[in-house]
Amino acid sequence: MLKKKGYRHKKSQEFFLKEEHMSGHKVTIFKPYPFQVGQKIRVEGSAREGDWEVIGINGQKFTLRCPVSGKEFTWNMFCYSVEEKDNFPWPMEK
């Protein structure tokens, strides 16, 4: 049986999802994706699904433009890169 718990590391702001196993910890690490202005992206599996161009970044928000309609939207960052590690120290020491 797996137990899932999550927490956000104070210093790095990375989000950790922990699955407990008898032999150790399998940890999934979510890092905010480092977007760049001018980048063309495709969002899948979300209400914001589709093709977008990154036209602005301001702190924790970014502005995307639809290449078809030309509409622009400013949203909180919602995309993350994901990495899984086996036998990873958890919880991380401060």
Protein backbone atom coordinates (compact mmCIF):
# COMPACT_ATOMS: atom_id res chain seq x y z
CA MET A 1 0.00 0.00 0.00
CA LEU A 2 1.27 3.48 -0.90
CA LYS A 3 0.78 6.62 1.11
CA LYS A 4 1.04 9.92 -0.76
CA LYS A 5 1.97 13.16 0.94
CA GLY A 6 3.25 16.44 -0.43
CA TYR A 7 5.05 19.51 0.80
CA ARG A 8 6.73 22.63 -0.60
CA HIS A 9 10.40 23.15 0.29
CA LYS A 10 10.77 26.61 1.87
CA LYS A 11 14.02 27.63 0.20
CA SER A 12 13.65 26.25 -3.34
CA GLN A 13 9.83 26.35 -3.58
CA GLU A 14 9.98 22.91 -5.24
CA PHE A 15 6.97 20.73 -4.54
CA PHE A 16 7.69 17.18 -3.42
CA LEU A 17 5.22 14.30 -3.64
CA LYS A 18 6.23 11.36 -1.49
CA GLU A 19 5.24 7.75 -2.02
CA GLU A 20 6.26 5.52 0.87
CA HIS A 21 7.63 2.08 0.00
CA MET A 22 8.99 -0.59 2.31
CA SER A 23 12.47 -0.35 0.74
CA GLY A 24 12.79 3.46 0.84
CA HIS A 25 11.30 6.54 -0.72
CA LYS A 26 10.35 7.32 -4.27
CA VAL A 27 10.07 11.09 -4.61
CA THR A 28 8.53 13.06 -7.49
CA ILE A 29 9.97 16.57 -7.79
CA PHE A 30 8.00 19.41 -9.42
CA LYS A 31 9.97 22.52 -10.43
CA PRO A 32 8.43 25.66 -11.98
CA TYR A 33 9.26 25.59 -15.67
CA PRO A 34 11.69 28.40 -16.67
CA PHE A 35 9.71 30.01 -19.51
CA GLN A 36 11.28 32.57 -21.85
CA VAL A 37 9.54 35.38 -23.72
CA GLY A 38 8.98 34.34 -27.34
CA GLN A 39 8.76 30.65 -26.48
CA LYS A 40 6.09 28.65 -28.30
CA ILE A 41 4.39 26.09 -26.08
CA ARG A 42 1.62 23.49 -26.21
CA VAL A 43 -0.42 22.79 -23.06
CA GLU A 44 -2.07 19.38 -22.88
CA GLY A 45 -4.46 17.85 -20.35
CA SER A 46 -5.62 21.16 -18.88
CA ALA A 47 -8.46 23.66 -19.21
CA ARG A 48 -5.85 25.92 -20.88
CA GLU A 49 -5.08 23.25 -23.47
CA GLY A 50 -3.74 24.47 -26.80
CA ASP A 51 -0.91 26.32 -28.50
CA TRP A 52 0.41 29.53 -26.95
CA GLU A 53 3.24 32.03 -27.25
CA VAL A 54 4.86 33.37 -24.08
CA ILE A 55 4.76 37.18 -24.42
CA GLY A 56 5.47 38.29 -20.86
CA ILE A 57 6.81 37.07 -17.52
CA ASN A 58 6.32 38.97 -14.27
CA GLY A 59 7.23 37.18 -11.04
CA GLN A 60 4.80 34.31 -10.51
CA LYS A 61 2.61 35.28 -13.49
CA PHE A 62 3.05 34.97 -17.22
CA THR A 63 1.16 36.26 -20.24
CA LEU A 64 0.30 33.94 -23.11
CA ARG A 65 -1.11 34.78 -26.55
CA CYS A 66 -3.20 32.43 -28.66
CA PRO A 67 -1.69 32.28 -32.19
CA VAL A 68 -5.12 31.74 -33.75
CA SER A 69 -7.37 34.32 -32.03
CA GLY A 70 -4.64 36.69 -30.85
CA LYS A 71 -6.27 36.81 -27.40
CA GLU A 72 -3.90 37.35 -24.49
CA PHE A 73 -4.24 35.98 -20.97
CA THR A 74 -2.19 36.57 -17.83
CA TRP A 75 -2.20 33.63 -15.44
CA ASN A 76 -0.31 32.39 -12.42
CA MET A 77 2.44 29.98 -13.46
CA PHE A 78 0.90 26.53 -13.82
CA CYS A 79 3.47 24.45 -15.72
CA TYR A 80 6.12 22.34 -14.04
CA SER A 81 8.92 20.09 -15.12
CA VAL A 82 8.83 16.71 -13.39
CA GLU A 83 11.58 14.39 -12.29
CA GLU A 84 11.37 11.13 -10.35
CA LYS A 85 14.18 9.83 -8.18
CA ASP A 86 14.54 6.51 -6.38
CA ASN A 87 16.27 6.24 -3.01
CA PHE A 88 16.15 10.02 -2.62
CA PRO A 89 16.61 11.59 0.85
CA TRP A 90 13.22 12.64 2.15
CA PRO A 91 12.33 14.92 3.76
CA MET A 92 15.09 17.23 2.54
CA GLU A 93 17.21 18.79 5.24
CA LYS A 94 16.92 22.56 5.54
